[in-house]
PDB file of N, CA and C in Angstrom:
ATOM      1  N   MET A   1      15.488   5.969 -11.531  1.00  0.00           N
ATOM      2  CA  MET A   1      14.489   5.593 -10.551  1.00  0.00           C
ATOM      3  C   MET A   1      13.098   5.643 -11.191  1.00  0.00           C
ATOM      4  N   LYS A   2      12.348   4.585 -11.035  1.00  0.00           N
ATOM      5  CA  LYS A   2      11.015   4.499 -11.620  1.00  0.00           C
ATOM      6  C   LYS A   2      10.029   5.305 -10.785  1.00  0.00           C
ATOM      7  N   ASN A   3       9.222   6.147 -11.447  1.00  0.00           N
ATOM      8  CA  ASN A   3       8.223   6.951 -10.736  1.00  0.00           C
ATOM      9  C   ASN A   3       7.039   6.093 -10.320  1.00  0.00           C
ATOM     10  N   LYS A   4       6.492   6.395  -9.157  1.00  0.00           N
ATOM     11  CA  LYS A   4       5.307   5.684  -8.682  1.00  0.00           C
ATOM     12  C   LYS A   4       4.118   6.025  -9.564  1.00  0.00           C
ATOM     13  N   LYS A   5       3.181   5.081  -9.635  1.00  0.00           N
ATOM     14  CA  LYS A   5       1.991   5.259 -10.454  1.00  0.00           C
ATOM     15  C   LYS A   5       0.814   5.698  -9.594  1.00  0.00           C
ATOM     16  N   GLY A   6      -0.105   6.416 -10.216  1.00  0.00           N
ATOM     17  CA  GLY A   6      -1.326   6.836  -9.545  1.00  0.00           C
ATOM     18  C   GLY A   6      -2.536   6.160 -10.168  1.00  0.00           C
ATOM     19  N   LEU A   7      -3.569   5.951  -9.366  1.00  0.00           N
ATOM     20  CA  LEU A   7      -4.831   5.398  -9.832  1.00  0.00           C
ATOM     21  C   LEU A   7      -5.940   6.231  -9.206  1.00  0.00           C
ATOM     22  N   ILE A   8      -6.699   6.916 -10.037  1.00  0.00           N
ATOM     23  CA  ILE A   8      -7.804   7.753  -9.561  1.00  0.00           C
ATOM     24  C   ILE A   8      -9.091   7.032  -9.914  1.00  0.00           C
ATOM     25  N   MET A   9      -9.971   6.850  -8.927  1.00  0.00           N
ATOM     26  CA  MET A   9     -11.226   6.147  -9.195  1.00  0.00           C
ATOM     27  C   MET A   9     -12.414   6.932  -8.687  1.00  0.00           C
ATOM     28  N   GLY A  10     -13.543   6.747  -9.353  1.00  0.00           N
ATOM     29  CA  GLY A  10     -14.777   7.406  -8.956  1.00  0.00           C
ATOM     30  C   GLY A  10     -15.970   6.591  -9.424  1.00  0.00           C
ATOM     31  N   VAL A  11     -17.154   7.077  -9.123  1.00  0.00           N
ATOM     32  CA  VAL A  11     -18.382   6.365  -9.502  1.00  0.00           C
ATOM     33  C   VAL A  11     -19.108   7.111 -10.616  1.00  0.00           C
ATOM     34  N   ALA A  12     -20.045   6.424 -11.239  1.00  0.00           N
ATOM     35  CA  ALA A  12     -20.738   6.989 -12.395  1.00  0.00           C
ATOM     36  C   ALA A  12     -21.744   8.070 -12.035  1.00  0.00           C
ATOM     37  N   ASN A  13     -22.330   8.048 -10.839  1.00  0.00           N
ATOM     38  CA  ASN A  13     -23.396   9.007 -10.543  1.00  0.00           C
ATOM     39  C   ASN A  13     -22.906  10.449 -10.467  1.00  0.00           C
ATOM     40  N   ASP A  14     -21.632  10.671 -10.232  1.00  0.00           N
ATOM     41  CA  ASP A  14     -21.095  12.034 -10.262  1.00  0.00           C
ATOM     42  C   ASP A  14     -20.098  12.158 -11.412  1.00  0.00           C
ATOM     43  N   HIS A  15     -20.347  11.371 -12.425  1.00  0.00           N
ATOM     44  CA  HIS A  15     -19.439  11.214 -13.553  1.00  0.00           C
ATOM     45  C   HIS A  15     -19.049  12.520 -14.217  1.00  0.00           C
ATOM     46  N   SER A  16     -19.974  13.402 -14.483  1.00  0.00           N
ATOM     47  CA  SER A  16     -19.654  14.576 -15.278  1.00  0.00           C
ATOM     48  C   SER A  16     -18.596  15.466 -14.641  1.00  0.00           C
ATOM     49  N   ILE A  17     -18.788  15.855 -13.400  1.00  0.00           N
ATOM     50  CA  ILE A  17     -17.814  16.732 -12.742  1.00  0.00           C
ATOM     51  C   ILE A  17     -16.613  15.934 -12.244  1.00  0.00           C
ATOM     52  N   ALA A  18     -16.852  14.827 -11.537  1.00  0.00           N
ATOM     53  CA  ALA A  18     -15.749  14.044 -10.981  1.00  0.00           C
ATOM     54  C   ALA A  18     -14.859  13.477 -12.084  1.00  0.00           C
ATOM     55  N   TRP A  19     -15.462  13.040 -13.182  1.00  0.00           N
ATOM     56  CA  TRP A  19     -14.652  12.481 -14.270  1.00  0.00           C
ATOM     57  C   TRP A  19     -13.741  13.553 -14.857  1.00  0.00           C
ATOM     58  N   GLY A  20     -14.266  14.759 -15.019  1.00  0.00           N
ATOM     59  CA  GLY A  20     -13.443  15.861 -15.509  1.00  0.00           C
ATOM     60  C   GLY A  20     -12.305  16.189 -14.550  1.00  0.00           C
ATOM     61  N   ILE A  21     -12.603  16.204 -13.253  1.00  0.00           N
ATOM     62  CA  ILE A  21     -11.570  16.448 -12.233  1.00  0.00           C
ATOM     63  C   ILE A  21     -10.496  15.365 -12.319  1.00  0.00           C
ATOM     64  N   ALA A  22     -10.926  14.117 -12.405  1.00  0.00           N
ATOM     65  CA  ALA A  22      -9.984  12.999 -12.470  1.00  0.00           C
ATOM     66  C   ALA A  22      -9.084  13.098 -13.702  1.00  0.00           C
ATOM     67  N   GLN A  23      -9.664  13.417 -14.845  1.00  0.00           N
ATOM     68  CA  GLN A  23      -8.881  13.518 -16.081  1.00  0.00           C
ATOM     69  C   GLN A  23      -7.881  14.669 -16.013  1.00  0.00           C
ATOM     70  N   GLU A  24      -8.303  15.803 -15.462  1.00  0.00           N
ATOM     71  CA  GLU A  24      -7.395  16.947 -15.327  1.00  0.00           C
ATOM     72  C   GLU A  24      -6.267  16.625 -14.344  1.00  0.00           C
ATOM     73  N   ALA A  25      -6.599  15.966 -13.238  1.00  0.00           N
ATOM     74  CA  ALA A  25      -5.579  15.587 -12.256  1.00  0.00           C
ATOM     75  C   ALA A  25      -4.601  14.592 -12.879  1.00  0.00           C
ATOM     76  N   LYS A  26      -5.114  13.655 -13.664  1.00  0.00           N
ATOM     77  CA  LYS A  26      -4.268  12.678 -14.358  1.00  0.00           C
ATOM     78  C   LYS A  26      -3.240  13.391 -15.238  1.00  0.00           C
ATOM     79  N   THR A  27      -3.706  14.347 -16.017  1.00  0.00           N
ATOM     80  CA  THR A  27      -2.818  15.093 -16.910  1.00  0.00           C
ATOM     81  C   THR A  27      -1.717  15.794 -16.112  1.00  0.00           C
ATOM     82  N   ASP A  28      -2.097  16.442 -15.015  1.00  0.00           N
ATOM     83  CA  ASP A  28      -1.112  17.157 -14.189  1.00  0.00           C
ATOM     84  C   ASP A  28      -0.124  16.194 -13.529  1.00  0.00           C
ATOM     85  N   LEU A  29      -0.623  15.076 -13.005  1.00  0.00           N
ATOM     86  CA  LEU A  29       0.263  14.105 -12.354  1.00  0.00           C
ATOM     87  C   LEU A  29       1.240  13.500 -13.352  1.00  0.00           C
ATOM     88  N   GLU A  30       0.757  13.223 -14.558  1.00  0.00           N
ATOM     89  CA  GLU A  30       1.645  12.671 -15.575  1.00  0.00           C
ATOM     90  C   GLU A  30       2.703  13.683 -16.000  1.00  0.00           C
ATOM     91  N   SER A  31       2.351  14.967 -16.010  1.00  0.00           N
ATOM     92  CA  SER A  31       3.337  16.003 -16.352  1.00  0.00           C
ATOM     93  C   SER A  31       4.413  16.106 -15.281  1.00  0.00           C
ATOM     94  N   LYS A  32       4.106  15.620 -14.076  1.00  0.00           N
ATOM     95  CA  LYS A  32       5.074  15.599 -12.974  1.00  0.00           C
ATOM     96  C   LYS A  32       5.826  14.266 -12.914  1.00  0.00           C
ATOM     97  N   GLY A  33       5.595  13.409 -13.912  1.00  0.00           N
ATOM     98  CA  GLY A  33       6.334  12.155 -13.996  1.00  0.00           C
ATOM     99  C   GLY A  33       5.677  10.955 -13.325  1.00  0.00           C
ATOM    100  N   HIS A  34       4.397  11.051 -13.008  1.00  0.00           N
ATOM    101  CA  HIS A  34       3.694   9.937 -12.356  1.00  0.00           C
ATOM    102  C   HIS A  34       2.621   9.382 -13.301  1.00  0.00           C
ATOM    103  N   PRO A  35       2.915   8.258 -13.968  1.00  0.00           N
ATOM    104  CA  PRO A  35       1.895   7.648 -14.825  1.00  0.00           C
ATOM    105  C   PRO A  35       0.626   7.397 -14.003  1.00  0.00           C
ATOM    106  N   THR A  36      -0.521   7.752 -14.560  1.00  0.00           N
ATOM    107  CA  THR A  36      -1.777   7.690 -13.797  1.00  0.00           C
ATOM    108  C   THR A  36      -2.896   7.145 -14.673  1.00  0.00           C
ATOM    109  N   ARG A  37      -3.730   6.295 -14.077  1.00  0.00           N
ATOM    110  CA  ARG A  37      -4.933   5.790 -14.750  1.00  0.00           C
ATOM    111  C   ARG A  37      -6.151   6.333 -14.039  1.00  0.00           C
ATOM    112  N   VAL A  38      -7.244   6.477 -14.785  1.00  0.00           N
ATOM    113  CA  VAL A  38      -8.533   6.858 -14.210  1.00  0.00           C
ATOM    114  C   VAL A  38      -9.483   5.683 -14.437  1.00  0.00           C
ATOM    115  N   VAL A  39     -10.136   5.257 -13.361  1.00  0.00           N
ATOM    116  CA  VAL A  39     -11.025   4.096 -13.409  1.00  0.00           C
ATOM    117  C   VAL A  39     -12.403   4.503 -12.901  1.00  0.00           C
ATOM    118  N   SER A  40     -13.443   4.107 -13.636  1.00  0.00           N
ATOM    119  CA  SER A  40     -14.814   4.304 -13.176  1.00  0.00           C
ATOM    120  C   SER A  40     -15.248   3.039 -12.450  1.00  0.00           C
ATOM    121  N   LEU A  41     -15.684   3.192 -11.224  1.00  0.00           N
ATOM    122  CA  LEU A  41     -16.131   2.055 -10.402  1.00  0.00           C
ATOM    123  C   LEU A  41     -17.575   2.326  -9.981  1.00  0.00           C
ATOM    124  N   PRO A  42     -18.525   2.196 -10.931  1.00  0.00           N
ATOM    125  CA  PRO A  42     -19.903   2.616 -10.668  1.00  0.00           C
ATOM    126  C   PRO A  42     -20.724   1.674  -9.794  1.00  0.00           C
ATOM    127  N   CYS A  43     -20.319   0.407  -9.682  1.00  0.00           N
ATOM    128  CA  CYS A  43     -21.121  -0.537  -8.900  1.00  0.00           C
ATOM    129  C   CYS A  43     -20.210  -1.475  -8.120  1.00  0.00           C
ATOM    130  N   TRP A  44     -20.084  -1.224  -6.834  1.00  0.00           N
ATOM    131  CA  TRP A  44     -19.226  -2.051  -5.990  1.00  0.00           C
ATOM    132  C   TRP A  44     -19.662  -3.511  -6.001  1.00  0.00           C
ATOM    133  N   GLU A  45     -20.965  -3.756  -5.945  1.00  0.00           N
ATOM    134  CA  GLU A  45     -21.462  -5.128  -5.868  1.00  0.00           C
ATOM    135  C   GLU A  45     -21.033  -5.950  -7.089  1.00  0.00           C
ATOM    136  N   LEU A  46     -21.160  -5.381  -8.276  1.00  0.00           N
ATOM    137  CA  LEU A  46     -20.735  -6.095  -9.477  1.00  0.00           C
ATOM    138  C   LEU A  46     -19.221  -6.279  -9.507  1.00  0.00           C
ATOM    139  N   PHE A  47     -18.499  -5.273  -9.077  1.00  0.00           N
ATOM    140  CA  PHE A  47     -17.039  -5.383  -9.037  1.00  0.00           C
ATOM    141  C   PHE A  47     -16.618  -6.489  -8.076  1.00  0.00           C
ATOM    142  N   ASP A  48     -17.295  -6.593  -6.937  1.00  0.00           N
ATOM    143  CA  ASP A  48     -16.955  -7.610  -5.943  1.00  0.00           C
ATOM    144  C   ASP A  48     -17.202  -9.032  -6.451  1.00  0.00           C
ATOM    145  N   PHE A  49     -18.072  -9.204  -7.438  1.00  0.00           N
ATOM    146  CA  PHE A  49     -18.332 -10.522  -8.018  1.00  0.00           C
ATOM    147  C   PHE A  49     -17.261 -10.944  -9.025  1.00  0.00           C
ATOM    148  N   GLN A  50     -16.403 -10.036  -9.413  1.00  0.00           N
ATOM    149  CA  GLN A  50     -15.356 -10.353 -10.386  1.00  0.00           C
ATOM    150  C   GLN A  50     -14.264 -11.182  -9.722  1.00  0.00           C
ATOM    151  N   THR A  51     -13.469 -11.825 -10.531  1.00  0.00           N
ATOM    152  CA  THR A  51     -12.372 -12.650 -10.008  1.00  0.00           C
ATOM    153  C   THR A  51     -11.311 -11.770  -9.354  1.00  0.00           C
ATOM    154  N   PRO A  52     -10.586 -12.315  -8.383  1.00  0.00           N
ATOM    155  CA  PRO A  52      -9.490 -11.548  -7.779  1.00  0.00           C
ATOM    156  C   PRO A  52      -8.468 -11.073  -8.815  1.00  0.00           C
ATOM    157  N   THR A  53      -8.236 -11.879  -9.827  1.00  0.00           N
ATOM    158  CA  THR A  53      -7.287 -11.496 -10.880  1.00  0.00           C
ATOM    159  C   THR A  53      -7.764 -10.238 -11.603  1.00  0.00           C
ATOM    160  N   TYR A  54      -9.038 -10.212 -11.955  1.00  0.00           N
ATOM    161  CA  TYR A  54      -9.604  -9.037 -12.619  1.00  0.00           C
ATOM    162  C   TYR A  54      -9.549  -7.818 -11.698  1.00  0.00           C
ATOM    163  N   GLN A  55      -9.927  -7.995 -10.431  1.00  0.00           N
ATOM    164  CA  GLN A  55      -9.914  -6.879  -9.481  1.00  0.00           C
ATOM    165  C   GLN A  55      -8.511  -6.302  -9.341  1.00  0.00           C
ATOM    166  N   GLU A  56      -7.503  -7.169  -9.271  1.00  0.00           N
ATOM    167  CA  GLU A  56      -6.118  -6.706  -9.166  1.00  0.00           C
ATOM    168  C   GLU A  56      -5.687  -5.988 -10.440  1.00  0.00           C
ATOM    169  N   GLU A  57      -6.179  -6.466 -11.581  1.00  0.00           N
ATOM    170  CA  GLU A  57      -5.858  -5.827 -12.854  1.00  0.00           C
ATOM    171  C   GLU A  57      -6.395  -4.393 -12.892  1.00  0.00           C
ATOM    172  N   VAL A  58      -7.598  -4.207 -12.393  1.00  0.00           N
ATOM    173  CA  VAL A  58      -8.236  -2.888 -12.402  1.00  0.00           C
ATOM    174  C   VAL A  58      -7.657  -1.993 -11.312  1.00  0.00           C
ATOM    175  N   LEU A  59      -7.576  -2.516 -10.090  1.00  0.00           N
ATOM    176  CA  LEU A  59      -7.104  -1.730  -8.941  1.00  0.00           C
ATOM    177  C   LEU A  59      -5.736  -2.228  -8.498  1.00  0.00           C
ATOM    178  N   THR A  60      -4.789  -2.111  -9.370  1.00  0.00           N
ATOM    179  CA  THR A  60      -3.459  -2.627  -9.100  1.00  0.00           C
ATOM    180  C   THR A  60      -2.897  -2.147  -7.759  1.00  0.00           C
ATOM    181  N   THR A  61      -2.226  -3.037  -7.070  1.00  0.00           N
ATOM    182  CA  THR A  61      -1.588  -2.659  -5.802  1.00  0.00           C
ATOM    183  C   THR A  61      -0.275  -1.918  -6.049  1.00  0.00           C
ATOM    184  N   GLU A  62       0.119  -1.827  -7.305  1.00  0.00           N
ATOM    185  CA  GLU A  62       1.356  -1.118  -7.641  1.00  0.00           C
ATOM    186  C   GLU A  62       1.137   0.371  -7.859  1.00  0.00           C
ATOM    187  N   ALA A  63      -0.062   0.852  -7.585  1.00  0.00           N
ATOM    188  CA  ALA A  63      -0.364   2.274  -7.760  1.00  0.00           C
ATOM    189  C   ALA A  63      -0.947   2.839  -6.473  1.00  0.00           C
ATOM    190  N   VAL A  64      -0.715   4.113  -6.270  1.00  0.00           N
ATOM    191  CA  VAL A  64      -1.350   4.831  -5.172  1.00  0.00           C
ATOM    192  C   VAL A  64      -2.788   5.103  -5.596  1.00  0.00           C
ATOM    193  N   ARG A  65      -3.743   4.702  -4.773  1.00  0.00           N
ATOM    194  CA  ARG A  65      -5.158   4.833  -5.121  1.00  0.00           C
ATOM    195  C   ARG A  65      -5.766   6.090  -4.503  1.00  0.00           C
ATOM    196  N   ILE A  66      -6.437   6.861  -5.336  1.00  0.00           N
ATOM    197  CA  ILE A  66      -7.128   8.067  -4.905  1.00  0.00           C
ATOM    198  C   ILE A  66      -8.586   7.925  -5.337  1.00  0.00           C
ATOM    199  N   GLY A  67      -9.512   8.083  -4.404  1.00  0.00           N
ATOM    200  CA  GLY A  67     -10.927   8.003  -4.725  1.00  0.00           C
ATOM    201  C   GLY A  67     -11.559   9.387  -4.770  1.00  0.00           C
ATOM    202  N   ILE A  68     -12.535   9.555  -5.655  1.00  0.00           N
ATOM    203  CA  ILE A  68     -13.313  10.794  -5.732  1.00  0.00           C
ATOM    204  C   ILE A  68     -14.776  10.412  -5.573  1.00  0.00           C
ATOM    205  N   GLU A  69     -15.449  11.049  -4.626  1.00  0.00           N
ATOM    206  CA  GLU A  69     -16.853  10.730  -4.355  1.00  0.00           C
ATOM    207  C   GLU A  69     -17.601  12.000  -3.982  1.00  0.00           C
ATOM    208  N   ALA A  70     -18.700  12.258  -4.684  1.00  0.00           N
ATOM    209  CA  ALA A  70     -19.500  13.447  -4.388  1.00  0.00           C
ATOM    210  C   ALA A  70     -20.419  13.226  -3.192  1.00  0.00           C
ATOM    211  N   ALA A  71     -20.593  11.993  -2.815  1.00  0.00           N
ATOM    212  CA  ALA A  71     -21.406  11.684  -1.635  1.00  0.00           C
ATOM    213  C   ALA A  71     -20.469  11.336  -0.474  1.00  0.00           C
ATOM    214  N   VAL A  72     -21.008  10.837   0.596  1.00  0.00           N
ATOM    215  CA  VAL A  72     -20.203  10.462   1.756  1.00  0.00           C
ATOM    216  C   VAL A  72     -19.212   9.361   1.368  1.00  0.00           C
ATOM    217  N   CYS A  73     -18.035   9.393   1.933  1.00  0.00           N
ATOM    218  CA  CYS A  73     -16.936   8.507   1.553  1.00  0.00           C
ATOM    219  C   CYS A  73     -17.015   7.105   2.163  1.00  0.00           C
ATOM    220  N   PHE A  74     -18.001   6.860   3.005  1.00  0.00           N
ATOM    221  CA  PHE A  74     -18.129   5.575   3.691  1.00  0.00           C
ATOM    222  C   PHE A  74     -18.125   4.411   2.702  1.00  0.00           C
ATOM    223  N   GLY A  75     -17.303   3.415   2.970  1.00  0.00           N
ATOM    224  CA  GLY A  75     -17.245   2.213   2.155  1.00  0.00           C
ATOM    225  C   GLY A  75     -16.095   2.151   1.174  1.00  0.00           C
ATOM    226  N   TRP A  76     -15.516   3.294   0.849  1.00  0.00           N
ATOM    227  CA  TRP A  76     -14.429   3.320  -0.123  1.00  0.00           C
ATOM    228  C   TRP A  76     -13.139   2.682   0.373  1.00  0.00           C
ATOM    229  N   GLU A  77     -12.975   2.584   1.693  1.00  0.00           N
ATOM    230  CA  GLU A  77     -11.707   2.106   2.239  1.00  0.00           C
ATOM    231  C   GLU A  77     -11.320   0.723   1.710  1.00  0.00           C
ATOM    232  N   ARG A  78     -12.284  -0.135   1.428  1.00  0.00           N
ATOM    233  CA  ARG A  78     -11.927  -1.480   0.941  1.00  0.00           C
ATOM    234  C   ARG A  78     -11.364  -1.447  -0.474  1.00  0.00           C
ATOM    235  N   TYR A  79     -11.632  -0.402  -1.226  1.00  0.00           N
ATOM    236  CA  TYR A  79     -11.084  -0.282  -2.573  1.00  0.00           C
ATOM    237  C   TYR A  79      -9.828   0.586  -2.604  1.00  0.00           C
ATOM    238  N   LEU A  80      -9.716   1.481  -1.655  1.00  0.00           N
ATOM    239  CA  LEU A  80      -8.542   2.353  -1.592  1.00  0.00           C
ATOM    240  C   LEU A  80      -7.331   1.639  -0.999  1.00  0.00           C
ATOM    241  N   GLY A  81      -7.574   0.701  -0.103  1.00  0.00           N
ATOM    242  CA  GLY A  81      -6.470   0.053   0.598  1.00  0.00           C
ATOM    243  C   GLY A  81      -5.932   0.948   1.698  1.00  0.00           C
ATOM    244  N   LYS A  82      -4.960   0.443   2.420  1.00  0.00           N
ATOM    245  CA  LYS A  82      -4.408   1.163   3.579  1.00  0.00           C
ATOM    246  C   LYS A  82      -3.717   2.467   3.206  1.00  0.00           C
ATOM    247  N   GLU A  83      -3.137   2.518   2.034  1.00  0.00           N
ATOM    248  CA  GLU A  83      -2.379   3.700   1.627  1.00  0.00           C
ATOM    249  C   GLU A  83      -3.175   4.672   0.764  1.00  0.00           C
ATOM    250  N   GLY A  84      -4.409   4.325   0.430  1.00  0.00           N
ATOM    251  CA  GLY A  84      -5.206   5.179  -0.439  1.00  0.00           C
ATOM    252  C   GLY A  84      -5.723   6.420   0.262  1.00  0.00           C
ATOM    253  N   VAL A  85      -6.167   7.372  -0.543  1.00  0.00           N
ATOM    254  CA  VAL A  85      -6.682   8.644  -0.032  1.00  0.00           C
ATOM    255  C   VAL A  85      -8.026   8.927  -0.700  1.00  0.00           C
ATOM    256  N   MET A  86      -8.959   9.423   0.079  1.00  0.00           N
ATOM    257  CA  MET A  86     -10.287   9.753  -0.433  1.00  0.00           C
ATOM    258  C   MET A  86     -10.457  11.258  -0.510  1.00  0.00           C
ATOM    259  N   VAL A  87     -10.972  11.733  -1.624  1.00  0.00           N
ATOM    260  CA  VAL A  87     -11.346  13.133  -1.800  1.00  0.00           C
ATOM    261  C   VAL A  87     -12.858  13.132  -1.964  1.00  0.00           C
ATOM    262  N   GLY A  88     -13.563  13.659  -0.972  1.00  0.00           N
ATOM    263  CA  GLY A  88     -15.017  13.649  -1.026  1.00  0.00           C
ATOM    264  C   GLY A  88     -15.616  14.318   0.187  1.00  0.00           C
ATOM    265  N   MET A  89     -16.924  14.218   0.276  1.00  0.00           N
ATOM    266  CA  MET A  89     -17.642  14.847   1.385  1.00  0.00           C
ATOM    267  C   MET A  89     -17.381  14.102   2.688  1.00  0.00           C
ATOM    268  N   LYS A  90     -17.194  14.855   3.739  1.00  0.00           N
ATOM    269  CA  LYS A  90     -16.989  14.272   5.065  1.00  0.00           C
ATOM    270  C   LYS A  90     -18.269  14.350   5.894  1.00  0.00           C
ATOM    271  N   GLU A  91     -19.282  14.965   5.332  1.00  0.00           N
ATOM    272  CA  GLU A  91     -20.575  15.097   6.004  1.00  0.00           C
ATOM    273  C   GLU A  91     -21.663  14.944   4.949  1.00  0.00           C
ATOM    274  N   PHE A  92     -22.900  14.889   5.371  1.00  0.00           N
ATOM    275  CA  PHE A  92     -24.000  14.633   4.450  1.00  0.00           C
ATOM    276  C   PHE A  92     -25.098  15.669   4.652  1.00  0.00           C
ATOM    277  N   GLY A  93     -25.777  16.033   3.584  1.00  0.00           N
ATOM    278  CA  GLY A  93     -26.964  16.865   3.703  1.00  0.00           C
ATOM    279  C   GLY A  93     -26.863  18.260   3.126  1.00  0.00           C
ATOM    280  N   ALA A  94     -25.786  18.582   2.440  1.00  0.00           N
ATOM    281  CA  ALA A  94     -25.649  19.915   1.864  1.00  0.00           C
ATOM    282  C   ALA A  94     -26.467  20.025   0.582  1.00  0.00           C
ATOM    283  N   SER A  95     -26.947  21.237   0.305  1.00  0.00           N
ATOM    284  CA  SER A  95     -27.739  21.458  -0.895  1.00  0.00           C
ATOM    285  C   SER A  95     -27.307  22.767  -1.554  1.00  0.00           C
ATOM    286  N   ALA A  96     -26.906  22.657  -2.812  1.00  0.00           N
ATOM    287  CA  ALA A  96     -26.486  23.816  -3.608  1.00  0.00           C
ATOM    288  C   ALA A  96     -26.185  23.295  -5.009  1.00  0.00           C
ATOM    289  N   PRO A  97     -25.938  24.189  -5.957  1.00  0.00           N
ATOM    290  CA  PRO A  97     -25.522  23.718  -7.280  1.00  0.00           C
ATOM    291  C   PRO A  97     -24.240  22.879  -7.160  1.00  0.00           C
ATOM    292  N   ALA A  98     -24.132  21.859  -7.990  1.00  0.00           N
ATOM    293  CA  ALA A  98     -23.026  20.899  -7.893  1.00  0.00           C
ATOM    294  C   ALA A  98     -21.654  21.560  -7.885  1.00  0.00           C
ATOM    295  N   ASP A  99     -21.420  22.527  -8.778  1.00  0.00           N
ATOM    296  CA  ASP A  99     -20.096  23.138  -8.831  1.00  0.00           C
ATOM    297  C   ASP A  99     -19.734  23.842  -7.528  1.00  0.00           C
ATOM    298  N   LYS A 100     -20.707  24.432  -6.869  1.00  0.00           N
ATOM    299  CA  LYS A 100     -20.455  25.091  -5.583  1.00  0.00           C
ATOM    300  C   LYS A 100     -20.172  24.069  -4.480  1.00  0.00           C
ATOM    301  N   LEU A 101     -20.905  22.954  -4.484  1.00  0.00           N
ATOM    302  CA  LEU A 101     -20.664  21.900  -3.492  1.00  0.00           C
ATOM    303  C   LEU A 101     -19.285  21.266  -3.681  1.00  0.00           C
ATOM    304  N   PHE A 102     -18.916  20.995  -4.923  1.00  0.00           N
ATOM    305  CA  PHE A 102     -17.597  20.411  -5.176  1.00  0.00           C
ATOM    306  C   PHE A 102     -16.502  21.343  -4.663  1.00  0.00           C
ATOM    307  N   SER A 103     -16.638  22.610  -4.914  1.00  0.00           N
ATOM    308  CA  SER A 103     -15.657  23.584  -4.438  1.00  0.00           C
ATOM    309  C   SER A 103     -15.656  23.662  -2.915  1.00  0.00           C
ATOM    310  N   HIS A 104     -16.838  23.760  -2.296  1.00  0.00           N
ATOM    311  CA  HIS A 104     -16.962  23.869  -0.835  1.00  0.00           C
ATOM    312  C   HIS A 104     -16.334  22.673  -0.121  1.00  0.00           C
ATOM    313  N   PHE A 105     -16.543  21.476  -0.638  1.00  0.00           N
ATOM    314  CA  PHE A 105     -16.030  20.266   0.003  1.00  0.00           C
ATOM    315  C   PHE A 105     -14.660  19.850  -0.523  1.00  0.00           C
ATOM    316  N   ARG A 106     -14.034  20.708  -1.287  1.00  0.00           N
ATOM    317  CA  ARG A 106     -12.697  20.466  -1.845  1.00  0.00           C
ATOM    318  C   ARG A 106     -12.626  19.199  -2.672  1.00  0.00           C
ATOM    319  N   ILE A 107     -13.669  18.962  -3.443  1.00  0.00           N
ATOM    320  CA  ILE A 107     -13.645  17.866  -4.413  1.00  0.00           C
ATOM    321  C   ILE A 107     -13.200  18.516  -5.715  1.00  0.00           C
ATOM    322  N   THR A 108     -11.899  18.777  -5.787  1.00  0.00           N
ATOM    323  CA  THR A 108     -11.318  19.570  -6.862  1.00  0.00           C
ATOM    324  C   THR A 108     -10.080  18.871  -7.427  1.00  0.00           C
ATOM    325  N   LYS A 109      -9.694  19.320  -8.602  1.00  0.00           N
ATOM    326  CA  LYS A 109      -8.464  18.807  -9.208  1.00  0.00           C
ATOM    327  C   LYS A 109      -7.285  19.032  -8.266  1.00  0.00           C
ATOM    328  N   GLU A 110      -7.228  20.204  -7.673  1.00  0.00           N
ATOM    329  CA  GLU A 110      -6.117  20.533  -6.781  1.00  0.00           C
ATOM    330  C   GLU A 110      -6.066  19.600  -5.576  1.00  0.00           C
ATOM    331  N   ALA A 111      -7.231  19.277  -5.020  1.00  0.00           N
ATOM    332  CA  ALA A 111      -7.278  18.368  -3.862  1.00  0.00           C
ATOM    333  C   ALA A 111      -6.837  16.959  -4.252  1.00  0.00           C
ATOM    334  N   VAL A 112      -7.229  16.517  -5.440  1.00  0.00           N
ATOM    335  CA  VAL A 112      -6.819  15.184  -5.913  1.00  0.00           C
ATOM    336  C   VAL A 112      -5.311  15.141  -6.123  1.00  0.00           C
ATOM    337  N   ILE A 113      -4.771  16.173  -6.754  1.00  0.00           N
ATOM    338  CA  ILE A 113      -3.324  16.230  -6.992  1.00  0.00           C
ATOM    339  C   ILE A 113      -2.577  16.283  -5.660  1.00  0.00           C
ATOM    340  N   GLU A 114      -3.040  17.096  -4.737  1.00  0.00           N
ATOM    341  CA  GLU A 114      -2.410  17.194  -3.422  1.00  0.00           C
ATOM    342  C   GLU A 114      -2.428  15.844  -2.706  1.00  0.00           C
ATOM    343  N   ALA A 115      -3.562  15.170  -2.735  1.00  0.00           N
ATOM    344  CA  ALA A 115      -3.682  13.854  -2.099  1.00  0.00           C
ATOM    345  C   ALA A 115      -2.734  12.842  -2.751  1.00  0.00           C
ATOM    346  N   ALA A 116      -2.716  12.850  -4.060  1.00  0.00           N
ATOM    347  CA  ALA A 116      -1.853  11.911  -4.780  1.00  0.00           C
ATOM    348  C   ALA A 116      -0.379  12.179  -4.480  1.00  0.00           C
ATOM    349  N   LEU A 117       0.024  13.437  -4.574  1.00  0.00           N
ATOM    350  CA  LEU A 117       1.442  13.763  -4.352  1.00  0.00           C
ATOM    351  C   LEU A 117       1.877  13.478  -2.921  1.00  0.00           C
ATOM    352  N   SER A 118       0.945  13.565  -1.975  1.00  0.00           N
ATOM    353  CA  SER A 118       1.290  13.264  -0.582  1.00  0.00           C
ATOM    354  C   SER A 118       1.698  11.799  -0.431  1.00  0.00           C
ATOM    355  N   LYS A 119       1.206  10.935  -1.302  1.00  0.00           N
ATOM    356  CA  LYS A 119       1.551   9.511  -1.271  1.00  0.00           C
ATOM    357  C   LYS A 119       2.586   9.124  -2.295  1.00  0.00           C
ATOM    358  N   LEU A 120       2.680   9.875  -3.378  1.00  0.00           N
ATOM    359  CA  LEU A 120       3.616   9.542  -4.451  1.00  0.00           C
ATOM    360  C   LEU A 120       5.018  10.065  -4.189  1.00  0.00           C
ATOM    361  N   SER A 121       5.149  11.027  -3.317  1.00  0.00           N
ATOM    362  CA  SER A 121       6.466  11.642  -3.062  1.00  0.00           C
ATOM    363  C   SER A 121       7.352  10.742  -2.222  1.00  0.00           C
TER     364      SER A 121
END
């Protein structure tokens, strides 16, 4: 039986922490038998100007899509699709060091893995 694939995506403005979370989650998911890609999607407007073929190549429909966003999650649904899951802030306006905010809002490797496995299982 072929294992389902995962696709973790995030934006460049929270690249340092979110990218590390995505890479760590990728490693863990692959160790569980789920091939996973990490994609940086820093500018929706530029991505939307690309051809449908290119968009499908990047955000394949053959993978479960997981988004990571340090800001409010509004707008991600068009890239996640109906089956995708978002890991990010559900409210706006918090102020603290980034690592504390990521932990408080569960923007963590564990949350990404949990979200992915909930769809990959």
